[in-house]
Amino acid sequence: MRHGAATAGKRWTGRLRLAAVALAGFLGWGCYTLEPVAGVDPKVGTRVAFDVNDVGRVALGGTIGPEIGQVEGTLVEKDSAGYLVAVQTVRLLRGLEQPWSGEQVRLKKEYLGPAYERRASAGRSIGLAFIGGGGLGVFFLTRSLFGSGNEDNGGNPGDTVITRLGRP
């Protein structure tokens, strides 16, 4: 046996490891929901979203743009007057979303409606795990990626031309 030659066990372990990494990445993408913050201010460092009221749309129109419905991002700082948010997404009243890349915007409390925190949804994540795991299982089974290392070539010899004619 050659030194460093791949065995069936090593190939299977490598493929299983690849499947586990793919599944973990798929689950890391996960299912998140925005849930209302009940009675308390959100914590600094959490992913939050704030609905913007009419006063806020007028005041923030020059900074963020017109027709702002909701601002989502990471809460950087909070005080009695408002919040400093590293904005990731701006949702418009007509349903469109504008991606941002963490620009910090100060939001006064009088500009805002309800606050929401972004949380992982356990039920959706479990469902996603079953769907993702099943999909990976079907993928591997239909492609014989868990092969045992023994090929069944239907009883045919290897290269029939060389076998029959021989080498000169």
C-alpha atoms as a PDB file:
ATOM      1  CA  MET A   1       0.000   0.000   0.000  1.00  0.00           C
ATOM      2  CA  ARG A   2       1.337   3.417  -0.938  1.00  0.00           C
ATOM      3  CA  HIS A   3       2.180   5.828   1.816  1.00  0.00           C
ATOM      4  CA  GLY A   4      -0.628   8.414   2.143  1.00  0.00           C
ATOM      5  CA  ALA A   5      -3.034   6.492  -0.067  1.00  0.00           C
ATOM      6  CA  ALA A   6      -6.677   7.245   0.698  1.00  0.00           C
ATOM      7  CA  THR A   7      -8.639   4.349   2.118  1.00  0.00           C
ATOM      8  CA  ALA A   8     -12.394   3.928   1.945  1.00  0.00           C
ATOM      9  CA  GLY A   9     -12.641   4.851   5.638  1.00  0.00           C
ATOM     10  CA  LYS A  10     -10.674   8.055   5.180  1.00  0.00           C
ATOM     11  CA  ARG A  11     -12.798   9.053   2.176  1.00  0.00           C
ATOM     12  CA  TRP A  12     -16.015   8.353   4.096  1.00  0.00           C
ATOM     13  CA  THR A  13     -14.795  10.349   7.117  1.00  0.00           C
ATOM     14  CA  GLY A  14     -13.814  13.281   4.903  1.00  0.00           C
ATOM     15  CA  ARG A  15     -17.207  13.285   3.203  1.00  0.00           C
ATOM     16  CA  LEU A  16     -19.005  13.026   6.518  1.00  0.00           C
ATOM     17  CA  ARG A  17     -16.974  15.945   7.856  1.00  0.00           C
ATOM     18  CA  LEU A  18     -17.839  17.974   4.741  1.00  0.00           C
ATOM     19  CA  ALA A  19     -21.530  17.180   5.237  1.00  0.00           C
ATOM     20  CA  ALA A  20     -21.354  18.241   8.898  1.00  0.00           C
ATOM     21  CA  VAL A  21     -19.679  21.542   7.995  1.00  0.00           C
ATOM     22  CA  ALA A  22     -22.252  22.203   5.267  1.00  0.00           C
ATOM     23  CA  LEU A  23     -25.119  21.428   7.660  1.00  0.00           C
ATOM     24  CA  ALA A  24     -23.637  23.647  10.388  1.00  0.00           C
ATOM     25  CA  GLY A  25     -23.294  26.516   7.919  1.00  0.00           C
ATOM     26  CA  PHE A  26     -26.854  25.979   6.766  1.00  0.00           C
ATOM     27  CA  LEU A  27     -28.102  26.043  10.368  1.00  0.00           C
ATOM     28  CA  GLY A  28     -25.931  29.052  11.204  1.00  0.00           C
ATOM     29  CA  TRP A  29     -27.787  30.898   8.510  1.00  0.00           C
ATOM     30  CA  GLY A  30     -30.779  29.890  10.583  1.00  0.00           C
ATOM     31  CA  CYS A  31     -34.193  31.339  11.023  1.00  0.00           C
ATOM     32  CA  TYR A  32     -34.449  34.589  12.880  1.00  0.00           C
ATOM     33  CA  THR A  33     -37.473  36.615  13.815  1.00  0.00           C
ATOM     34  CA  LEU A  34     -37.936  40.125  15.116  1.00  0.00           C
ATOM     35  CA  GLU A  35     -39.769  39.915  18.436  1.00  0.00           C
ATOM     36  CA  PRO A  36     -41.106  42.942  20.333  1.00  0.00           C
ATOM     37  CA  VAL A  37     -39.057  44.131  23.287  1.00  0.00           C
ATOM     38  CA  ALA A  38     -41.476  43.967  26.205  1.00  0.00           C
ATOM     39  CA  GLY A  39     -41.355  47.036  28.467  1.00  0.00           C
ATOM     40  CA  VAL A  40     -37.552  47.413  28.677  1.00  0.00           C
ATOM     41  CA  ASP A  41     -34.962  49.050  26.473  1.00  0.00           C
ATOM     42  CA  PRO A  42     -32.935  46.675  24.303  1.00  0.00           C
ATOM     43  CA  LYS A  43     -29.407  45.849  25.461  1.00  0.00           C
ATOM     44  CA  VAL A  44     -26.313  47.375  23.866  1.00  0.00           C
ATOM     45  CA  GLY A  45     -24.718  44.953  21.406  1.00  0.00           C
ATOM     46  CA  THR A  46     -27.956  43.222  20.385  1.00  0.00           C
ATOM     47  CA  ARG A  47     -29.465  43.223  16.919  1.00  0.00           C
ATOM     48  CA  VAL A  48     -32.535  45.485  17.061  1.00  0.00           C
ATOM     49  CA  ALA A  49     -35.135  47.058  14.798  1.00  0.00           C
ATOM     50  CA  PHE A  50     -37.180  50.188  15.407  1.00  0.00           C
ATOM     51  CA  ASP A  51     -40.353  51.224  13.649  1.00  0.00           C
ATOM     52  CA  VAL A  52     -40.089  54.848  12.539  1.00  0.00           C
ATOM     53  CA  ASN A  53     -43.109  57.136  13.073  1.00  0.00           C
ATOM     54  CA  ASP A  54     -44.215  60.113  10.933  1.00  0.00           C
ATOM     55  CA  VAL A  55     -42.127  62.600  12.950  1.00  0.00           C
ATOM     56  CA  GLY A  56     -39.092  60.355  12.464  1.00  0.00           C
ATOM     57  CA  ARG A  57     -39.677  60.027   8.720  1.00  0.00           C
ATOM     58  CA  VAL A  58     -39.590  63.809   8.360  1.00  0.00           C
ATOM     59  CA  ALA A  59     -36.583  64.268  10.678  1.00  0.00           C
ATOM     60  CA  LEU A  60     -34.526  61.345   9.282  1.00  0.00           C
ATOM     61  CA  GLY A  61     -35.488  61.834   5.629  1.00  0.00           C
ATOM     62  CA  GLY A  62     -32.278  63.697   4.832  1.00  0.00           C
ATOM     63  CA  THR A  63     -30.056  61.199   6.651  1.00  0.00           C
ATOM     64  CA  ILE A  64     -31.624  57.848   5.811  1.00  0.00           C
ATOM     65  CA  GLY A  65     -34.060  58.651   3.017  1.00  0.00           C
ATOM     66  CA  PRO A  66     -37.792  59.129   2.558  1.00  0.00           C
ATOM     67  CA  GLU A  67     -40.495  56.557   3.309  1.00  0.00           C
ATOM     68  CA  ILE A  68     -38.602  54.885   6.160  1.00  0.00           C
ATOM     69  CA  GLY A  69     -40.700  52.210   7.838  1.00  0.00           C
ATOM     70  CA  GLN A  70     -38.128  50.447  10.001  1.00  0.00           C
ATOM     71  CA  VAL A  71     -34.423  50.653  10.814  1.00  0.00           C
ATOM     72  CA  GLU A  72     -32.523  47.481  11.792  1.00  0.00           C
ATOM     73  CA  GLY A  73     -28.978  47.163  13.086  1.00  0.00           C
ATOM     74  CA  THR A  74     -26.761  46.623  16.097  1.00  0.00           C
ATOM     75  CA  LEU A  75     -27.402  48.820  19.132  1.00  0.00           C
ATOM     76  CA  VAL A  76     -24.111  50.614  19.819  1.00  0.00           C
ATOM     77  CA  GLU A  77     -25.179  53.026  22.543  1.00  0.00           C
ATOM     78  CA  LYS A  78     -28.297  54.173  24.364  1.00  0.00           C
ATOM     79  CA  ASP A  79     -29.180  57.082  26.633  1.00  0.00           C
ATOM     80  CA  SER A  80     -32.269  58.912  27.830  1.00  0.00           C
ATOM     81  CA  ALA A  81     -32.665  60.767  24.520  1.00  0.00           C
ATOM     82  CA  GLY A  82     -32.329  57.849  22.108  1.00  0.00           C
ATOM     83  CA  TYR A  83     -30.142  55.223  20.516  1.00  0.00           C
ATOM     84  CA  LEU A  84     -27.023  54.987  18.373  1.00  0.00           C
ATOM     85  CA  VAL A  85     -27.499  52.145  15.854  1.00  0.00           C
ATOM     86  CA  ALA A  86     -25.028  50.610  13.383  1.00  0.00           C
ATOM     87  CA  VAL A  87     -27.580  50.223  10.593  1.00  0.00           C
ATOM     88  CA  GLN A  88     -27.689  46.976   8.580  1.00  0.00           C
ATOM     89  CA  THR A  89     -31.093  47.276   6.874  1.00  0.00           C
ATOM     90  CA  VAL A  90     -33.620  50.017   6.209  1.00  0.00           C
ATOM     91  CA  ARG A  91     -37.133  48.820   5.371  1.00  0.00           C
ATOM     92  CA  LEU A  92     -39.313  51.204   3.425  1.00  0.00           C
ATOM     93  CA  LEU A  93     -43.074  51.682   3.778  1.00  0.00           C
ATOM     94  CA  ARG A  94     -43.699  49.974   0.434  1.00  0.00           C
ATOM     95  CA  GLY A  95     -41.906  46.798   1.511  1.00  0.00           C
ATOM     96  CA  LEU A  96     -38.518  47.351  -0.141  1.00  0.00           C
ATOM     97  CA  GLU A  97     -35.298  46.827   1.808  1.00  0.00           C
ATOM     98  CA  GLN A  98     -32.082  48.814   1.507  1.00  0.00           C
ATOM     99  CA  PRO A  99     -28.935  47.095   2.798  1.00  0.00           C
ATOM    100  CA  TRP A 100     -26.506  49.242   4.757  1.00  0.00           C
ATOM    101  CA  SER A 101     -23.018  48.373   5.943  1.00  0.00           C
ATOM    102  CA  GLY A 102     -22.987  49.415   9.588  1.00  0.00           C
ATOM    103  CA  GLU A 103     -23.137  53.203   9.261  1.00  0.00           C
ATOM    104  CA  GLN A 104     -24.022  54.663  12.650  1.00  0.00           C
ATOM    105  CA  VAL A 105     -27.186  56.743  12.938  1.00  0.00           C
ATOM    106  CA  ARG A 106     -28.545  58.445  16.059  1.00  0.00           C
ATOM    107  CA  LEU A 107     -32.284  57.812  16.538  1.00  0.00           C
ATOM    108  CA  LYS A 108     -34.205  59.981  18.993  1.00  0.00           C
ATOM    109  CA  LYS A 109     -36.906  58.210  20.993  1.00  0.00           C
ATOM    110  CA  GLU A 110     -39.599  60.602  19.748  1.00  0.00           C
ATOM    111  CA  TYR A 111     -38.905  59.394  16.170  1.00  0.00           C
ATOM    112  CA  LEU A 112     -39.576  55.777  17.005  1.00  0.00           C
ATOM    113  CA  GLY A 113     -42.437  53.366  17.484  1.00  0.00           C
ATOM    114  CA  PRO A 114     -42.042  49.853  18.907  1.00  0.00           C
ATOM    115  CA  ALA A 115     -38.611  48.236  19.307  1.00  0.00           C
ATOM    116  CA  TYR A 116     -37.817  44.644  18.305  1.00  0.00           C
ATOM    117  CA  GLU A 117     -34.936  42.264  19.033  1.00  0.00           C
ATOM    118  CA  ARG A 118     -33.680  39.763  16.504  1.00  0.00           C
ATOM    119  CA  ARG A 119     -33.859  36.278  18.022  1.00  0.00           C
ATOM    120  CA  ALA A 120     -33.335  32.777  16.708  1.00  0.00           C
ATOM    121  CA  SER A 121     -36.603  30.930  16.193  1.00  0.00           C
ATOM    122  CA  ALA A 122     -36.214  27.444  17.690  1.00  0.00           C
ATOM    123  CA  GLY A 123     -39.144  25.937  15.787  1.00  0.00           C
ATOM    124  CA  ARG A 124     -38.010  27.281  12.425  1.00  0.00           C
ATOM    125  CA  SER A 125     -34.394  26.263  13.067  1.00  0.00           C
ATOM    126  CA  ILE A 126     -35.427  22.685  13.930  1.00  0.00           C
ATOM    127  CA  GLY A 127     -37.537  22.516  10.778  1.00  0.00           C
ATOM    128  CA  LEU A 128     -34.639  23.875   8.750  1.00  0.00           C
ATOM    129  CA  ALA A 129     -32.347  21.229  10.291  1.00  0.00           C
ATOM    130  CA  PHE A 130     -34.674  18.409   9.226  1.00  0.00           C
ATOM    131  CA  ILE A 131     -35.019  19.815   5.722  1.00  0.00           C
ATOM    132  CA  GLY A 132     -31.280  20.454   5.391  1.00  0.00           C
ATOM    133  CA  GLY A 133     -30.286  17.081   6.860  1.00  0.00           C
ATOM    134  CA  GLY A 134     -32.768  15.249   4.654  1.00  0.00           C
ATOM    135  CA  GLY A 135     -31.561  17.131   1.597  1.00  0.00           C
ATOM    136  CA  LEU A 136     -27.929  16.296   2.334  1.00  0.00           C
ATOM    137  CA  GLY A 137     -28.863  12.643   2.941  1.00  0.00           C
ATOM    138  CA  VAL A 138     -30.661  12.415  -0.397  1.00  0.00           C
ATOM    139  CA  PHE A 139     -27.734  14.145  -2.112  1.00  0.00           C
ATOM    140  CA  PHE A 140     -25.207  11.651  -0.729  1.00  0.00           C
ATOM    141  CA  LEU A 141     -27.390   8.593  -1.342  1.00  0.00           C
ATOM    142  CA  THR A 142     -28.116   9.497  -4.957  1.00  0.00           C
ATOM    143  CA  ARG A 143     -24.457  10.053  -5.753  1.00  0.00           C
ATOM    144  CA  SER A 144     -22.923   7.054  -3.950  1.00  0.00           C
ATOM    145  CA  LEU A 145     -20.687   9.373  -1.949  1.00  0.00           C
ATOM    146  CA  PHE A 146     -20.746   6.976   0.999  1.00  0.00           C
ATOM    147  CA  GLY A 147     -19.246   4.235  -1.198  1.00  0.00           C
ATOM    148  CA  SER A 148     -17.436   1.357   0.450  1.00  0.00           C
ATOM    149  CA  GLY A 149     -14.513   1.515  -1.920  1.00  0.00           C
ATOM    150  CA  ASN A 150     -15.606  -1.584  -3.882  1.00  0.00           C
ATOM    151  CA  GLU A 151     -16.779  -0.810  -7.372  1.00  0.00           C
ATOM    152  CA  ASP A 152     -19.216  -3.128  -9.073  1.00  0.00           C
ATOM    153  CA  ASN A 153     -18.538  -2.928 -12.773  1.00  0.00           C
ATOM    154  CA  GLY A 154     -21.056  -5.604 -13.752  1.00  0.00           C
ATOM    155  CA  GLY A 155     -18.513  -8.431 -14.058  1.00  0.00           C
ATOM    156  CA  ASN A 156     -16.716  -6.792 -17.001  1.00  0.00           C
ATOM    157  CA  PRO A 157     -12.952  -6.936 -16.966  1.00  0.00           C
ATOM    158  CA  GLY A 158     -11.067  -3.658 -16.876  1.00  0.00           C
ATOM    159  CA  ASP A 159      -9.827  -2.509 -20.268  1.00  0.00           C
ATOM    160  CA  THR A 160     -10.961  -5.210 -22.716  1.00  0.00           C
ATOM    161  CA  VAL A 161      -8.762  -3.974 -25.571  1.00  0.00           C
ATOM    162  CA  ILE A 162      -5.539  -4.508 -23.630  1.00  0.00           C
ATOM    163  CA  THR A 163      -6.848  -7.738 -22.096  1.00  0.00           C
ATOM    164  CA  ARG A 164      -7.733  -9.294 -25.468  1.00  0.00           C
ATOM    165  CA  LEU A 165      -4.922  -7.972 -27.602  1.00  0.00           C
ATOM    166  CA  GLY A 166      -2.170  -7.868 -25.026  1.00  0.00           C
ATOM    167  CA  ARG A 167       0.681  -5.453 -25.090  1.00  0.00           C
ATOM    168  CA  PRO A 168       3.383  -5.716 -27.722  1.00  0.00           C
END
